[in-house]
Amino acid sequence: MFLIRLAAGASLILDGMTILHADHSAPAVLLGWLALGDGALLLVGLWTPFAGSLLVVLTAWDILFRHYTPYPSVLLGSMGAAIVLIGPGALSIDAWLFGWKKIELEN
């Protein structure tokens, strides 16, 4: 799980920096800052369900409004959905703060 968070977070940070350097319109600046913040949250594993959900929203916004090849954003969005469904993993601040959730099924 750590590697998925690392890849998604690093990609978001790089994408946010690229957006901020390339375009200075208000929606692009907002998208760039949200991408930077979300990438940082994913890298450290803090508020992981929120960060993964925001990743899905950001990639949907990216696909709908930036009008370029959607394939990297689709992959990044699916990584965000996987992070939300699976959880942060052992190497995260969420695991340190809240511990492991254990579900026991009884027969």
Protein backbone atom coordinates (compact mmCIF):
# COMPACT_ATOMS: atom_id res chain seq x y z
CA MET A 1 0.00 0.00 0.00
CA PHE A 2 2.90 2.31 0.73
CA LEU A 3 4.11 2.13 -2.87
CA ILE A 4 0.69 3.05 -4.26
CA ARG A 5 0.53 6.04 -1.92
CA LEU A 6 4.10 7.00 -2.84
CA ALA A 7 3.46 6.81 -6.59
CA ALA A 8 0.14 8.68 -6.40
CA GLY A 9 1.48 11.34 -4.03
CA ALA A 10 4.64 11.99 -6.03
CA SER A 11 2.66 12.13 -9.27
CA LEU A 12 0.21 14.62 -7.76
CA ILE A 13 2.99 16.84 -6.44
CA LEU A 14 4.75 16.87 -9.82
CA ASP A 15 1.47 17.50 -11.64
CA GLY A 16 0.58 20.32 -9.25
CA MET A 17 3.96 22.00 -9.76
CA THR A 18 3.60 21.66 -13.53
CA ILE A 19 0.12 23.19 -13.47
CA LEU A 20 1.25 26.10 -11.29
CA HIS A 21 4.21 26.88 -13.57
CA ALA A 22 2.31 26.53 -16.84
CA ASP A 23 -1.06 28.21 -16.30
CA HIS A 24 -1.99 31.21 -14.16
CA SER A 25 -5.77 31.18 -14.46
CA ALA A 26 -7.76 30.90 -11.23
CA PRO A 27 -9.10 27.34 -11.79
CA ALA A 28 -5.64 26.09 -12.75
CA VAL A 29 -4.04 27.68 -9.69
CA LEU A 30 -6.71 26.10 -7.46
CA LEU A 31 -6.18 22.71 -9.13
CA GLY A 32 -2.40 23.03 -8.72
CA TRP A 33 -2.57 23.88 -5.00
CA LEU A 34 -5.12 21.14 -4.32
CA ALA A 35 -2.89 18.64 -6.14
CA LEU A 36 0.15 19.71 -4.10
CA GLY A 37 -1.70 19.44 -0.80
CA ASP A 38 -3.34 16.13 -1.66
CA GLY A 39 -0.02 14.70 -2.81
CA ALA A 40 1.58 15.67 0.50
CA LEU A 41 -1.26 14.05 2.47
CA LEU A 42 -0.91 10.85 0.46
CA LEU A 43 2.87 10.74 0.87
CA VAL A 44 2.68 10.80 4.66
CA GLY A 45 -0.53 8.79 4.90
CA LEU A 46 -2.58 11.36 6.80
CA TRP A 47 -6.40 11.49 6.40
CA THR A 48 -6.07 8.79 3.77
CA PRO A 49 -9.78 8.24 2.98
CA PHE A 50 -10.22 12.00 2.45
CA ALA A 51 -7.02 12.28 0.41
CA GLY A 52 -7.96 9.32 -1.81
CA SER A 53 -11.45 10.73 -2.38
CA LEU A 54 -9.98 14.13 -3.23
CA LEU A 55 -7.62 12.38 -5.65
CA VAL A 56 -10.60 10.86 -7.49
CA VAL A 57 -12.31 14.27 -7.65
CA LEU A 58 -9.15 16.02 -8.86
CA THR A 59 -8.55 13.51 -11.62
CA ALA A 60 -12.19 13.75 -12.74
CA TRP A 61 -11.83 17.55 -12.83
CA ASP A 62 -8.57 17.14 -14.74
CA ILE A 63 -10.19 14.88 -17.34
CA LEU A 64 -13.28 17.04 -17.82
CA PHE A 65 -11.75 20.51 -17.93
CA ARG A 66 -8.12 20.31 -19.06
CA HIS A 67 -8.88 18.40 -22.31
CA TYR A 68 -5.75 16.39 -22.92
CA THR A 69 -5.11 12.66 -22.99
CA PRO A 70 -7.12 11.18 -20.10
CA TYR A 71 -5.16 7.95 -19.60
CA PRO A 72 -2.74 9.10 -16.84
CA SER A 73 -5.62 10.70 -14.95
CA VAL A 74 -7.73 7.55 -15.23
CA LEU A 75 -4.87 5.50 -13.78
CA LEU A 76 -4.29 8.02 -11.00
CA GLY A 77 -8.01 8.13 -10.20
CA SER A 78 -8.19 4.35 -9.95
CA MET A 79 -5.21 4.44 -7.60
CA GLY A 80 -7.13 6.94 -5.45
CA ALA A 81 -10.17 4.68 -5.37
CA ALA A 82 -7.97 1.74 -4.35
CA ILE A 83 -6.42 3.81 -1.55
CA VAL A 84 -9.88 4.69 -0.24
CA LEU A 85 -11.07 1.08 -0.34
CA ILE A 86 -7.93 -0.62 1.01
CA GLY A 87 -6.74 1.94 3.54
CA PRO A 88 -3.46 3.67 4.30
CA GLY A 89 -1.28 0.66 5.14
CA ALA A 90 1.15 0.09 7.98
CA LEU A 91 3.64 2.82 7.04
CA SER A 92 1.37 5.82 7.53
CA ILE A 93 0.51 8.42 10.09
CA ASP A 94 -3.09 7.14 10.08
CA ALA A 95 -1.93 3.69 11.21
CA TRP A 96 0.21 5.26 13.93
CA LEU A 97 -2.58 7.55 15.17
CA PHE A 98 -5.59 5.26 14.92
CA GLY A 99 -4.09 1.75 14.86
CA TRP A 100 -5.15 -1.19 12.77
CA LYS A 101 -8.82 -1.92 12.26
CA LYS A 102 -9.53 -5.61 12.65
CA ILE A 103 -12.71 -7.23 11.40
CA GLU A 104 -13.48 -10.66 12.84
CA LEU A 105 -16.04 -12.86 11.17
CA GLU A 106 -17.79 -15.34 13.39
CA ASN A 107 -19.06 -18.69 12.16
